[in-house]
Amino acid sequence: FLAAVAAGSSVLTMLFWLFGFLRMGTIGVTARAWGAGDTSRC
C-alpha cells in the first residue's frame, strides 16, 4: 500500500507539477503589473 501510494503520488505530483507554470507564470506577471499600478492587467 505504501509502495502503491509512493508510486501513484509521484506520478500525480509530477504530472500536476508539469502545469506548475500556471502558478509561477501568474505570480510573476501579476506582481509586475501590481508594481506598475495596473490593476486591470492583474
All heavy atoms as atom14 arrays in JSON, in Angstrom:
{
  "sequence": "FLAAVAAGSSVLTMLFWLFGFLRMGTIGVTARAWGAGDTSRC",
  "atom14_mask": [
    [1, 1, 1, 1, 1, 1, 1, 1, 1, 1, 1, 0, 0, 0],
    [1, 1, 1, 1, 1, 1, 1, 1, 0, 0, 0, 0, 0, 0],
    [1, 1, 1, 1, 1, 0, 0, 0, 0, 0, 0, 0, 0, 0],
    [1, 1, 1, 1, 1, 0, 0, 0, 0, 0, 0, 0, 0, 0],
    [1, 1, 1, 1, 1, 1, 1, 0, 0, 0, 0, 0, 0, 0],
    [1, 1, 1, 1, 1, 0, 0, 0, 0, 0, 0, 0, 0, 0],
    [1, 1, 1, 1, 1, 0, 0, 0, 0, 0, 0, 0, 0, 0],
    [1, 1, 1, 1, 0, 0, 0, 0, 0, 0, 0, 0, 0, 0],
    [1, 1, 1, 1, 1, 1, 0, 0, 0, 0, 0, 0, 0, 0],
    [1, 1, 1, 1, 1, 1, 0, 0, 0, 0, 0, 0, 0, 0],
    [1, 1, 1, 1, 1, 1, 1, 0, 0, 0, 0, 0, 0, 0],
    [1, 1, 1, 1, 1, 1, 1, 1, 0, 0, 0, 0, 0, 0],
    [1, 1, 1, 1, 1, 1, 1, 0, 0, 0, 0, 0, 0, 0],
    [1, 1, 1, 1, 1, 1, 1, 1, 0, 0, 0, 0, 0, 0],
    [1, 1, 1, 1, 1, 1, 1, 1, 0, 0, 0, 0, 0, 0],
    [1, 1, 1, 1, 1, 1, 1, 1, 1, 1, 1, 0, 0, 0],
    [1, 1, 1, 1, 1, 1, 1, 1, 1, 1, 1, 1, 1, 1],
    [1, 1, 1, 1, 1, 1, 1, 1, 0, 0, 0, 0, 0, 0],
    [1, 1, 1, 1, 1, 1, 1, 1, 1, 1, 1, 0, 0, 0],
    [1, 1, 1, 1, 0, 0, 0, 0, 0, 0, 0, 0, 0, 0],
    [1, 1, 1, 1, 1, 1, 1, 1, 1, 1, 1, 0, 0, 0],
    [1, 1, 1, 1, 1, 1, 1, 1, 0, 0, 0, 0, 0, 0],
    [1, 1, 1, 1, 1, 1, 1, 1, 1, 1, 1, 0, 0, 0],
    [1, 1, 1, 1, 1, 1, 1, 1, 0, 0, 0, 0, 0, 0],
    [1, 1, 1, 1, 0, 0, 0, 0, 0, 0, 0, 0, 0, 0],
    [1, 1, 1, 1, 1, 1, 1, 0, 0, 0, 0, 0, 0, 0],
    [1, 1, 1, 1, 1, 1, 1, 1, 0, 0, 0, 0, 0, 0],
    [1, 1, 1, 1, 0, 0, 0, 0, 0, 0, 0, 0, 0, 0],
    [1, 1, 1, 1, 1, 1, 1, 0, 0, 0, 0, 0, 0, 0],
    [1, 1, 1, 1, 1, 1, 1, 0, 0, 0, 0, 0, 0, 0],
    [1, 1, 1, 1, 1, 0, 0, 0, 0, 0, 0, 0, 0, 0],
    [1, 1, 1, 1, 1, 1, 1, 1, 1, 1, 1, 0, 0, 0],
    [1, 1, 1, 1, 1, 0, 0, 0, 0, 0, 0, 0, 0, 0],
    [1, 1, 1, 1, 1, 1, 1, 1, 1, 1, 1, 1, 1, 1],
    [1, 1, 1, 1, 0, 0, 0, 0, 0, 0, 0, 0, 0, 0],
    [1, 1, 1, 1, 1, 0, 0, 0, 0, 0, 0, 0, 0, 0],
    [1, 1, 1, 1, 0, 0, 0, 0, 0, 0, 0, 0, 0, 0],
    [1, 1, 1, 1, 1, 1, 1, 1, 0, 0, 0, 0, 0, 0],
    [1, 1, 1, 1, 1, 1, 1, 0, 0, 0, 0, 0, 0, 0],
    [1, 1, 1, 1, 1, 1, 0, 0, 0, 0, 0, 0, 0, 0],
    [1, 1, 1, 1, 1, 1, 1, 1, 1, 1, 1, 0, 0, 0],
    [1, 1, 1, 1, 1, 1, 0, 0, 0, 0, 0, 0, 0, 0]
  ],
  "atom14_positions": [
    [[0.84, -1.21, 0.0], [0.0, 0.0, 0.0], [0.87, 1.25, 0.0], [0.59, 2.23, -0.69], [-0.94, 0.0, 1.21], [-1.94, -1.12, 1.19], [-1.96, -2.07, 2.21], [-2.85, -1.24, 0.17], [-2.87, -3.11, 2.2], [-3.78, -2.27, 0.15], [-3.79, -3.22, 1.17], [0.0, 0.0, 0.0], [0.0, 0.0, 0.0], [0.0, 0.0, 0.0]],
    [[1.95, 1.22, 0.8], [2.9, 2.34, 0.82], [3.58, 2.47, -0.54], [3.72, 3.58, -1.06], [3.94, 2.13, 1.92], [5.07, 3.17, 2.0], [4.51, 4.56, 2.18], [6.03, 2.82, 3.13], [0.0, 0.0, 0.0], [0.0, 0.0, 0.0], [0.0, 0.0, 0.0], [0.0, 0.0, 0.0], [0.0, 0.0, 0.0], [0.0, 0.0, 0.0]],
    [[3.98, 1.35, -1.12], [4.64, 1.38, -2.43], [3.69, 1.92, -3.5], [4.1, 2.7, -4.38], [5.11, -0.03, -2.82], [0.0, 0.0, 0.0], [0.0, 0.0, 0.0], [0.0, 0.0, 0.0], [0.0, 0.0, 0.0], [0.0, 0.0, 0.0], [0.0, 0.0, 0.0], [0.0, 0.0, 0.0], [0.0, 0.0, 0.0], [0.0, 0.0, 0.0]],
    [[2.41, 1.53, -3.42], [1.43, 1.99, -4.41], [1.24, 3.49, -4.35], [1.22, 4.18, -5.38], [0.09, 1.28, -4.18], [0.0, 0.0, 0.0], [0.0, 0.0, 0.0], [0.0, 0.0, 0.0], [0.0, 0.0, 0.0], [0.0, 0.0, 0.0], [0.0, 0.0, 0.0], [0.0, 0.0, 0.0], [0.0, 0.0, 0.0], [0.0, 0.0, 0.0]],
    [[1.11, 4.03, -3.13], [0.91, 5.48, -2.99], [2.22, 6.22, -3.28], [2.21, 7.33, -3.82], [0.36, 5.82, -1.59], [0.31, 7.32, -1.38], [-1.04, 5.24, -1.44], [0.0, 0.0, 0.0], [0.0, 0.0, 0.0], [0.0, 0.0, 0.0], [0.0, 0.0, 0.0], [0.0, 0.0, 0.0], [0.0, 0.0, 0.0], [0.0, 0.0, 0.0]],
    [[3.36, 5.6, -2.94], [4.65, 6.22, -3.27], [4.76, 6.41, -4.78], [5.13, 7.49, -5.26], [5.8, 5.34, -2.76], [0.0, 0.0, 0.0], [0.0, 0.0, 0.0], [0.0, 0.0, 0.0], [0.0, 0.0, 0.0], [0.0, 0.0, 0.0], [0.0, 0.0, 0.0], [0.0, 0.0, 0.0], [0.0, 0.0, 0.0], [0.0, 0.0, 0.0]],
    [[4.42, 5.37, -5.53], [4.47, 5.47, -6.99], [3.36, 6.36, -7.53], [3.59, 7.24, -8.36], [4.37, 4.08, -7.61], [0.0, 0.0, 0.0], [0.0, 0.0, 0.0], [0.0, 0.0, 0.0], [0.0, 0.0, 0.0], [0.0, 0.0, 0.0], [0.0, 0.0, 0.0], [0.0, 0.0, 0.0], [0.0, 0.0, 0.0], [0.0, 0.0, 0.0]],
    [[2.13, 6.15, -7.03], [0.99, 6.91, -7.53], [1.08, 8.4, -7.23], [0.81, 9.23, -8.1], [0.0, 0.0, 0.0], [0.0, 0.0, 0.0], [0.0, 0.0, 0.0], [0.0, 0.0, 0.0], [0.0, 0.0, 0.0], [0.0, 0.0, 0.0], [0.0, 0.0, 0.0], [0.0, 0.0, 0.0], [0.0, 0.0, 0.0], [0.0, 0.0, 0.0]],
    [[1.44, 8.74, -6.01], [1.55, 10.15, -5.67], [2.69, 10.81, -6.43], [2.6, 11.98, -6.81], [1.75, 10.33, -4.16], [2.94, 9.73, -3.73], [0.0, 0.0, 0.0], [0.0, 0.0, 0.0], [0.0, 0.0, 0.0], [0.0, 0.0, 0.0], [0.0, 0.0, 0.0], [0.0, 0.0, 0.0], [0.0, 0.0, 0.0], [0.0, 0.0, 0.0]],
    [[3.77, 10.05, -6.69], [4.86, 10.59, -7.5], [4.37, 10.89, -8.92], [4.66, 11.95, -9.48], [6.03, 9.6, -7.56], [6.61, 9.44, -6.29], [0.0, 0.0, 0.0], [0.0, 0.0, 0.0], [0.0, 0.0, 0.0], [0.0, 0.0, 0.0], [0.0, 0.0, 0.0], [0.0, 0.0, 0.0], [0.0, 0.0, 0.0], [0.0, 0.0, 0.0]],
    [[3.6, 9.97, -9.48], [3.05, 10.16, -10.83], [2.18, 11.41, -10.88], [2.36, 12.28, -11.74], [2.24, 8.93, -11.27], [1.43, 9.24, -12.53], [3.15, 7.75, -11.5], [0.0, 0.0, 0.0], [0.0, 0.0, 0.0], [0.0, 0.0, 0.0], [0.0, 0.0, 0.0], [0.0, 0.0, 0.0], [0.0, 0.0, 0.0], [0.0, 0.0, 0.0]],
    [[1.22, 11.52, -9.95], [0.29, 12.64, -9.97], [0.96, 13.95, -9.59], [0.66, 15.01, -10.16], [-0.91, 12.36, -9.06], [-2.11, 11.66, -9.7], [-2.67, 12.48, -10.84], [-1.75, 10.27, -10.19], [0.0, 0.0, 0.0], [0.0, 0.0, 0.0], [0.0, 0.0, 0.0], [0.0, 0.0, 0.0], [0.0, 0.0, 0.0], [0.0, 0.0, 0.0]],
    [[1.87, 13.89, -8.61], [2.58, 15.11, -8.21], [3.39, 15.64, -9.38], [3.38, 16.83, -9.68], [3.51, 14.84, -7.01], [2.71, 14.43, -5.89], [4.28, 16.08, -6.63], [0.0, 0.0, 0.0], [0.0, 0.0, 0.0], [0.0, 0.0, 0.0], [0.0, 0.0, 0.0], [0.0, 0.0, 0.0], [0.0, 0.0, 0.0], [0.0, 0.0, 0.0]],
    [[4.11, 14.75, -10.06], [4.91, 15.17, -11.2], [4.03, 15.66, -12.35], [4.36, 16.63, -13.03], [5.8, 14.02, -11.68], [6.82, 13.54, -10.68], [7.78, 14.9, -9.98], [7.74, 14.44, -8.26], [0.0, 0.0, 0.0], [0.0, 0.0, 0.0], [0.0, 0.0, 0.0], [0.0, 0.0, 0.0], [0.0, 0.0, 0.0], [0.0, 0.0, 0.0]],
    [[2.91, 14.98, -12.57], [2.01, 15.39, -13.65], [1.44, 16.78, -13.36], [1.42, 17.65, -14.25], [0.87, 14.38, -13.78], [-0.09, 14.58, -14.95], [0.65, 14.53, -16.28], [-1.19, 13.53, -14.92], [0.0, 0.0, 0.0], [0.0, 0.0, 0.0], [0.0, 0.0, 0.0], [0.0, 0.0, 0.0], [0.0, 0.0, 0.0], [0.0, 0.0, 0.0]],
    [[1.01, 17.02, -12.12], [0.49, 18.34, -11.78], [1.6, 19.39, -11.73], [1.37, 20.55, -12.06], [-0.26, 18.29, -10.44], [-1.56, 17.51, -10.5], [-2.03, 16.82, -9.4], [-2.31, 17.49, -11.66], [-3.22, 16.11, -9.45], [-3.51, 16.79, -11.73], [-3.96, 16.09, -10.61], [0.0, 0.0, 0.0], [0.0, 0.0, 0.0], [0.0, 0.0, 0.0]],
    [[2.79, 18.98, -11.32], [3.93, 19.9, -11.35], [4.2, 20.37, -12.77], [4.67, 21.49, -12.99], [5.18, 19.2, -10.81], [5.4, 19.4, -9.34], [4.55, 19.94, -8.43], [6.58, 19.02, -8.6], [5.11, 19.91, -7.17], [6.35, 19.36, -7.26], [7.78, 18.42, -8.96], [7.29, 19.13, -6.26], [8.72, 18.19, -7.97], [8.49, 18.55, -6.64]],
    [[3.94, 19.51, -13.73], [4.16, 19.87, -15.13], [3.39, 21.14, -15.48], [3.79, 21.91, -16.35], [3.72, 18.71, -16.03], [4.06, 18.78, -17.51], [5.56, 18.83, -17.72], [3.48, 17.57, -18.24], [0.0, 0.0, 0.0], [0.0, 0.0, 0.0], [0.0, 0.0, 0.0], [0.0, 0.0, 0.0], [0.0, 0.0, 0.0], [0.0, 0.0, 0.0]],
    [[2.28, 21.34, -14.79], [1.45, 22.52, -15.03], [1.64, 23.57, -13.94], [0.81, 24.47, -13.78], [-0.02, 22.1, -15.15], [-0.26, 21.13, -16.26], [-0.33, 19.77, -16.01], [-0.38, 21.57, -17.57], [-0.53, 18.86, -17.04], [-0.58, 20.67, -18.61], [-0.65, 19.31, -18.34], [0.0, 0.0, 0.0], [0.0, 0.0, 0.0], [0.0, 0.0, 0.0]],
    [[2.73, 23.44, -13.2], [3.04, 24.43, -12.16], [3.31, 25.8, -12.73], [3.3, 26.8, -12.0], [0.0, 0.0, 0.0], [0.0, 0.0, 0.0], [0.0, 0.0, 0.0], [0.0, 0.0, 0.0], [0.0, 0.0, 0.0], [0.0, 0.0, 0.0], [0.0, 0.0, 0.0], [0.0, 0.0, 0.0], [0.0, 0.0, 0.0], [0.0, 0.0, 0.0]],
    [[3.54, 25.87, -14.06], [3.73, 27.18, -14.69], [2.5, 28.06, -14.51], [2.59, 29.3, -14.57], [4.06, 27.02, -16.18], [2.97, 26.39, -17.01], [1.91, 27.15, -17.48], [3.02, 25.04, -17.32], [0.91, 26.57, -18.25], [2.03, 24.45, -18.1], [0.97, 25.22, -18.56], [0.0, 0.0, 0.0], [0.0, 0.0, 0.0], [0.0, 0.0, 0.0]],
    [[1.34, 27.43, -14.31], [0.13, 28.23, -14.1], [0.24, 29.09, -12.85], [-0.21, 30.24, -12.82], [-1.09, 27.3, -14.0], [-1.48, 26.57, -15.29], [-2.48, 25.47, -14.99], [-2.04, 27.55, -16.31], [0.0, 0.0, 0.0], [0.0, 0.0, 0.0], [0.0, 0.0, 0.0], [0.0, 0.0, 0.0], [0.0, 0.0, 0.0], [0.0, 0.0, 0.0]],
    [[0.85, 28.54, -11.81], [1.07, 29.31, -10.59], [2.24, 30.27, -10.76], [2.13, 31.46, -10.49], [1.37, 28.38, -9.41], [1.61, 29.12, -8.09], [2.15, 28.2, -7.01], [3.46, 27.66, -7.35], [4.6, 28.32, -7.22], [4.61, 29.57, -6.77], [5.75, 27.76, -7.53], [0.0, 0.0, 0.0], [0.0, 0.0, 0.0], [0.0, 0.0, 0.0]],
    [[3.37, 29.75, -11.26], [4.59, 30.56, -11.35], [4.43, 31.71, -12.34], [4.82, 32.85, -12.06], [5.77, 29.68, -11.74], [6.14, 28.65, -10.68], [7.6, 27.67, -11.11], [6.9, 26.56, -12.36], [0.0, 0.0, 0.0], [0.0, 0.0, 0.0], [0.0, 0.0, 0.0], [0.0, 0.0, 0.0], [0.0, 0.0, 0.0], [0.0, 0.0, 0.0]],
    [[3.87, 31.41, -13.51], [3.67, 32.46, -14.5], [2.7, 33.51, -14.02], [2.89, 34.72, -14.25], [0.0, 0.0, 0.0], [0.0, 0.0, 0.0], [0.0, 0.0, 0.0], [0.0, 0.0, 0.0], [0.0, 0.0, 0.0], [0.0, 0.0, 0.0], [0.0, 0.0, 0.0], [0.0, 0.0, 0.0], [0.0, 0.0, 0.0], [0.0, 0.0, 0.0]],
    [[1.65, 33.07, -13.32], [0.66, 34.01, -12.81], [1.26, 34.93, -11.75], [0.98, 36.14, -11.74], [-0.54, 33.25, -12.22], [-1.1, 32.4, -13.23], [-1.61, 34.21, -11.73], [0.0, 0.0, 0.0], [0.0, 0.0, 0.0], [0.0, 0.0, 0.0], [0.0, 0.0, 0.0], [0.0, 0.0, 0.0], [0.0, 0.0, 0.0], [0.0, 0.0, 0.0]],
    [[2.11, 34.38, -10.88], [2.75, 35.21, -9.85], [3.59, 36.3, -10.5], [3.45, 37.49, -10.18], [3.66, 34.36, -8.95], [2.86, 33.48, -8.02], [4.56, 35.27, -8.09], [3.71, 32.57, -7.15], [0.0, 0.0, 0.0], [0.0, 0.0, 0.0], [0.0, 0.0, 0.0], [0.0, 0.0, 0.0], [0.0, 0.0, 0.0], [0.0, 0.0, 0.0]],
    [[4.49, 35.91, -11.41], [5.41, 36.87, -11.99], [4.72, 37.99, -12.74], [5.0, 39.17, -12.53], [0.0, 0.0, 0.0], [0.0, 0.0, 0.0], [0.0, 0.0, 0.0], [0.0, 0.0, 0.0], [0.0, 0.0, 0.0], [0.0, 0.0, 0.0], [0.0, 0.0, 0.0], [0.0, 0.0, 0.0], [0.0, 0.0, 0.0], [0.0, 0.0, 0.0]],
    [[3.79, 37.62, -13.63], [3.11, 38.63, -14.44], [2.23, 39.52, -13.56], [2.2, 40.76, -13.71], [2.27, 37.97, -15.55], [1.52, 39.03, -16.35], [3.16, 37.15, -16.48], [0.0, 0.0, 0.0], [0.0, 0.0, 0.0], [0.0, 0.0, 0.0], [0.0, 0.0, 0.0], [0.0, 0.0, 0.0], [0.0, 0.0, 0.0], [0.0, 0.0, 0.0]],
    [[1.54, 38.93, -12.59], [0.69, 39.71, -11.69], [1.52, 40.65, -10.83], [1.15, 41.83, -10.64], [-0.13, 38.78, -10.77], [-0.92, 37.9, -11.57], [-1.03, 39.58, -9.84], [0.0, 0.0, 0.0], [0.0, 0.0, 0.0], [0.0, 0.0, 0.0], [0.0, 0.0, 0.0], [0.0, 0.0, 0.0], [0.0, 0.0, 0.0], [0.0, 0.0, 0.0]],
    [[2.64, 40.17, -10.28], [3.48, 41.01, -9.41], [4.03, 42.21, -10.16], [4.07, 43.33, -9.63], [4.63, 40.18, -8.82], [0.0, 0.0, 0.0], [0.0, 0.0, 0.0], [0.0, 0.0, 0.0], [0.0, 0.0, 0.0], [0.0, 0.0, 0.0], [0.0, 0.0, 0.0], [0.0, 0.0, 0.0], [0.0, 0.0, 0.0], [0.0, 0.0, 0.0]],
    [[4.46, 42.0, -11.41], [5.0, 43.13, -12.19], [3.89, 44.13, -12.53], [4.1, 45.34, -12.51], [5.7, 42.61, -13.44], [6.98, 41.84, -13.12], [7.82, 41.55, -14.36], [7.18, 40.66, -15.31], [7.18, 39.34, -15.22], [7.77, 38.74, -14.2], [6.59, 38.6, -16.15], [0.0, 0.0, 0.0], [0.0, 0.0, 0.0], [0.0, 0.0, 0.0]],
    [[2.68, 43.62, -12.85], [1.56, 44.53, -13.13], [1.16, 45.29, -11.87], [0.86, 46.49, -11.92], [0.37, 43.73, -13.66], [0.0, 0.0, 0.0], [0.0, 0.0, 0.0], [0.0, 0.0, 0.0], [0.0, 0.0, 0.0], [0.0, 0.0, 0.0], [0.0, 0.0, 0.0], [0.0, 0.0, 0.0], [0.0, 0.0, 0.0], [0.0, 0.0, 0.0]],
    [[1.17, 44.61, -10.73], [0.84, 45.25, -9.45], [1.86, 46.33, -9.12], [1.51, 47.42, -8.65], [0.79, 44.18, -8.36], [0.36, 44.63, -7.0], [1.1, 44.62, -5.86], [-0.93, 45.14, -6.62], [0.37, 45.08, -4.79], [-0.88, 45.41, -5.22], [-2.11, 45.38, -7.32], [-1.97, 45.92, -4.53], [-3.2, 45.9, -6.62], [-3.12, 46.16, -5.24]],
    [[3.15, 46.05, -9.37], [4.19, 47.04, -9.13], [4.04, 48.26, -10.02], [4.35, 49.39, -9.62], [0.0, 0.0, 0.0], [0.0, 0.0, 0.0], [0.0, 0.0, 0.0], [0.0, 0.0, 0.0], [0.0, 0.0, 0.0], [0.0, 0.0, 0.0], [0.0, 0.0, 0.0], [0.0, 0.0, 0.0], [0.0, 0.0, 0.0], [0.0, 0.0, 0.0]],
    [[3.54, 48.03, -11.24], [3.33, 49.14, -12.18], [2.0, 49.85, -11.94], [1.68, 50.83, -12.63], [3.38, 48.61, -13.61], [0.0, 0.0, 0.0], [0.0, 0.0, 0.0], [0.0, 0.0, 0.0], [0.0, 0.0, 0.0], [0.0, 0.0, 0.0], [0.0, 0.0, 0.0], [0.0, 0.0, 0.0], [0.0, 0.0, 0.0], [0.0, 0.0, 0.0]],
    [[1.2, 49.37, -10.97], [-0.07, 50.01, -10.65], [-1.19, 49.7, -11.63], [-2.2, 50.42, -11.69], [0.0, 0.0, 0.0], [0.0, 0.0, 0.0], [0.0, 0.0, 0.0], [0.0, 0.0, 0.0], [0.0, 0.0, 0.0], [0.0, 0.0, 0.0], [0.0, 0.0, 0.0], [0.0, 0.0, 0.0], [0.0, 0.0, 0.0], [0.0, 0.0, 0.0]],
    [[-1.07, 48.62, -12.4], [-2.06, 48.27, -13.42], [-3.0, 47.18, -12.88], [-2.82, 45.99, -13.14], [-1.33, 47.79, -14.68], [-2.27, 47.61, -15.87], [-3.5, 47.66, -15.68], [-1.76, 47.4, -16.99], [0.0, 0.0, 0.0], [0.0, 0.0, 0.0], [0.0, 0.0, 0.0], [0.0, 0.0, 0.0], [0.0, 0.0, 0.0], [0.0, 0.0, 0.0]],
    [[-4.04, 47.58, -12.13], [-4.95, 46.6, -11.54], [-5.8, 45.89, -12.59], [-6.18, 44.73, -12.41], [-5.89, 47.27, -10.51], [-6.6, 48.34, -11.15], [-5.1, 47.83, -9.34], [0.0, 0.0, 0.0], [0.0, 0.0, 0.0], [0.0, 0.0, 0.0], [0.0, 0.0, 0.0], [0.0, 0.0, 0.0], [0.0, 0.0, 0.0], [0.0, 0.0, 0.0]],
    [[-6.09, 46.56, -13.7], [-6.84, 45.92, -14.77], [-6.08, 44.72, -15.32], [-6.66, 43.66, -15.59], [-7.13, 46.93, -15.88], [-7.82, 46.31, -16.95], [0.0, 0.0, 0.0], [0.0, 0.0, 0.0], [0.0, 0.0, 0.0], [0.0, 0.0, 0.0], [0.0, 0.0, 0.0], [0.0, 0.0, 0.0], [0.0, 0.0, 0.0], [0.0, 0.0, 0.0]],
    [[-4.78, 44.9, -15.51], [-3.96, 43.8, -16.01], [-3.89, 42.66, -14.98], [-3.9, 41.48, -15.35], [-2.55, 44.31, -16.32], [-1.57, 43.24, -16.78], [-2.04, 42.54, -18.04], [-1.08, 41.53, -18.49], [-1.4, 40.44, -19.17], [-2.67, 40.2, -19.48], [-0.48, 39.59, -19.54], [0.0, 0.0, 0.0], [0.0, 0.0, 0.0], [0.0, 0.0, 0.0]],
    [[-3.86, 43.01, -13.71], [-3.84, 41.98, -12.67], [-5.06, 41.07, -12.77], [-4.94, 39.84, -12.72], [-3.8, 42.63, -11.28], [-2.26, 43.48, -10.87], [0.0, 0.0, 0.0], [0.0, 0.0, 0.0], [0.0, 0.0, 0.0], [0.0, 0.0, 0.0], [0.0, 0.0, 0.0], [0.0, 0.0, 0.0], [0.0, 0.0, 0.0], [0.0, 0.0, 0.0]]
  ]
}
